[in-house]
Amino acid sequence: NALDRERNLMNEDPKWQDTNYVLSSYKTEP
């Protein structure tokens, strides 16, 4: 499952702790 894989990456990769990075990378909200 791609979402599970990405969720695992977010948990393991320190850069995902940076909210601004996540928001700038994941423009999924309208």
PDB file of N, CA and C in Angstrom:
ATOM      1  N   ASN A   1       0.847  -1.195   0.000  1.00  0.00           N
ATOM      2  CA  ASN A   1       0.000   0.000   0.000  1.00  0.00           C
ATOM      3  C   ASN A   1       0.884   1.247   0.000  1.00  0.00           C
ATOM      4  N   ALA A   2       0.697   2.094  -0.986  1.00  0.00           N
ATOM      5  CA  ALA A   2       1.551   3.274  -1.149  1.00  0.00           C
ATOM      6  C   ALA A   2       1.432   4.215   0.054  1.00  0.00           C
ATOM      7  N   LEU A   3       0.219   4.377   0.576  1.00  0.00           N
ATOM      8  CA  LEU A   3       0.046   5.273   1.718  1.00  0.00           C
ATOM      9  C   LEU A   3       0.778   4.744   2.942  1.00  0.00           C
ATOM     10  N   ASP A   4       0.719   3.434   3.153  1.00  0.00           N
ATOM     11  CA  ASP A   4       1.445   2.851   4.279  1.00  0.00           C
ATOM     12  C   ASP A   4       2.941   3.055   4.116  1.00  0.00           C
ATOM     13  N   ARG A   5       3.431   2.880   2.893  1.00  0.00           N
ATOM     14  CA  ARG A   5       4.865   3.058   2.644  1.00  0.00           C
ATOM     15  C   ARG A   5       5.274   4.513   2.907  1.00  0.00           C
ATOM     16  N   GLU A   6       4.465   5.459   2.431  1.00  0.00           N
ATOM     17  CA  GLU A   6       4.781   6.870   2.647  1.00  0.00           C
ATOM     18  C   GLU A   6       4.678   7.231   4.124  1.00  0.00           C
ATOM     19  N   ARG A   7       3.709   6.630   4.817  1.00  0.00           N
ATOM     20  CA  ARG A   7       3.553   6.900   6.246  1.00  0.00           C
ATOM     21  C   ARG A   7       4.786   6.404   6.998  1.00  0.00           C
ATOM     22  N   ASN A   8       5.293   5.240   6.598  1.00  0.00           N
ATOM     23  CA  ASN A   8       6.501   4.724   7.227  1.00  0.00           C
ATOM     24  C   ASN A   8       7.682   5.642   6.964  1.00  0.00           C
ATOM     25  N   LEU A   9       7.785   6.162   5.751  1.00  0.00           N
ATOM     26  CA  LEU A   9       8.870   7.086   5.430  1.00  0.00           C
ATOM     27  C   LEU A   9       8.768   8.353   6.276  1.00  0.00           C
ATOM     28  N   MET A  10       7.553   8.834   6.476  1.00  0.00           N
ATOM     29  CA  MET A  10       7.362  10.036   7.282  1.00  0.00           C
ATOM     30  C   MET A  10       7.798   9.789   8.719  1.00  0.00           C
ATOM     31  N   ASN A  11       7.551   8.569   9.221  1.00  0.00           N
ATOM     32  CA  ASN A  11       7.932   8.250  10.588  1.00  0.00           C
ATOM     33  C   ASN A  11       9.439   8.096  10.729  1.00  0.00           C
ATOM     34  N   GLU A  12      10.092   7.633   9.671  1.00  0.00           N
ATOM     35  CA  GLU A  12      11.514   7.316   9.756  1.00  0.00           C
ATOM     36  C   GLU A  12      12.416   8.464   9.321  1.00  0.00           C
ATOM     37  N   ASP A  13      11.930   9.315   8.428  1.00  0.00           N
ATOM     38  CA  ASP A  13      12.771  10.364   7.866  1.00  0.00           C
ATOM     39  C   ASP A  13      12.604  11.670   8.647  1.00  0.00           C
ATOM     40  N   PRO A  14      13.669  12.166   9.263  1.00  0.00           N
ATOM     41  CA  PRO A  14      13.570  13.370  10.115  1.00  0.00           C
ATOM     42  C   PRO A  14      13.016  14.584   9.389  1.00  0.00           C
ATOM     43  N   LYS A  15      13.228  14.684   8.058  1.00  0.00           N
ATOM     44  CA  LYS A  15      12.753  15.872   7.358  1.00  0.00           C
ATOM     45  C   LYS A  15      11.233  15.994   7.416  1.00  0.00           C
ATOM     46  N   TRP A  16      10.540  14.868   7.582  1.00  0.00           N
ATOM     47  CA  TRP A  16       9.081  14.924   7.647  1.00  0.00           C
ATOM     48  C   TRP A  16       8.595  15.545   8.954  1.00  0.00           C
ATOM     49  N   GLN A  17       9.512  15.732   9.897  1.00  0.00           N
ATOM     50  CA  GLN A  17       9.123  16.399  11.136  1.00  0.00           C
ATOM     51  C   GLN A  17       8.986  17.905  10.913  1.00  0.00           C
ATOM     52  N   ASP A  18       9.506  18.379   9.765  1.00  0.00           N
ATOM     53  CA  ASP A  18       9.409  19.799   9.431  1.00  0.00           C
ATOM     54  C   ASP A  18       8.070  20.048   8.742  1.00  0.00           C
ATOM     55  N   THR A  19       7.141  20.633   9.481  1.00  0.00           N
ATOM     56  CA  THR A  19       5.793  20.840   8.958  1.00  0.00           C
ATOM     57  C   THR A  19       5.806  21.632   7.663  1.00  0.00           C
ATOM     58  N   ASN A  20       6.655  22.650   7.589  1.00  0.00           N
ATOM     59  CA  ASN A  20       6.707  23.463   6.376  1.00  0.00           C
ATOM     60  C   ASN A  20       7.126  22.632   5.176  1.00  0.00           C
ATOM     61  N   TYR A  21       8.056  21.718   5.389  1.00  0.00           N
ATOM     62  CA  TYR A  21       8.494  20.858   4.289  1.00  0.00           C
ATOM     63  C   TYR A  21       7.343  19.964   3.841  1.00  0.00           C
ATOM     64  N   VAL A  22       6.644  19.398   4.799  1.00  0.00           N
ATOM     65  CA  VAL A  22       5.517  18.522   4.465  1.00  0.00           C
ATOM     66  C   VAL A  22       4.443  19.295   3.705  1.00  0.00           C
ATOM     67  N   LEU A  23       4.101  20.477   4.205  1.00  0.00           N
ATOM     68  CA  LEU A  23       3.061  21.271   3.561  1.00  0.00           C
ATOM     69  C   LEU A  23       3.470  21.693   2.160  1.00  0.00           C
ATOM     70  N   SER A  24       4.740  22.025   1.982  1.00  0.00           N
ATOM     71  CA  SER A  24       5.194  22.477   0.669  1.00  0.00           C
ATOM     72  C   SER A  24       5.320  21.311  -0.302  1.00  0.00           C
ATOM     73  N   SER A  25       5.504  20.112   0.244  1.00  0.00           N
ATOM     74  CA  SER A  25       5.693  18.940  -0.613  1.00  0.00           C
ATOM     75  C   SER A  25       4.366  18.251  -0.933  1.00  0.00           C
ATOM     76  N   TYR A  26       3.413  18.366  -0.008  1.00  0.00           N
ATOM     77  CA  TYR A  26       2.138  17.675  -0.185  1.00  0.00           C
ATOM     78  C   TYR A  26       1.015  18.689  -0.375  1.00  0.00           C
ATOM     79  N   LYS A  27       0.862  19.130  -1.626  1.00  0.00           N
ATOM     80  CA  LYS A  27      -0.197  20.092  -1.946  1.00  0.00           C
ATOM     81  C   LYS A  27      -1.454  19.324  -2.362  1.00  0.00           C
ATOM     82  N   THR A  28      -1.961  18.503  -1.457  1.00  0.00           N
ATOM     83  CA  THR A  28      -3.105  17.665  -1.804  1.00  0.00           C
ATOM     84  C   THR A  28      -4.421  18.316  -1.395  1.00  0.00           C
ATOM     85  N   GLU A  29      -4.348  19.308  -0.515  1.00  0.00           N
ATOM     86  CA  GLU A  29      -5.569  19.976  -0.083  1.00  0.00           C
ATOM     87  C   GLU A  29      -5.925  21.100  -1.049  1.00  0.00           C
ATOM     88  N   PRO A  30      -7.215  21.304  -1.328  1.00  0.00           N
ATOM     89  CA  PRO A  30      -7.655  22.356  -2.245  1.00  0.00           C
ATOM     90  C   PRO A  30      -7.400  23.758  -1.673  1.00  0.00           C
TER      91      PRO A  30
END
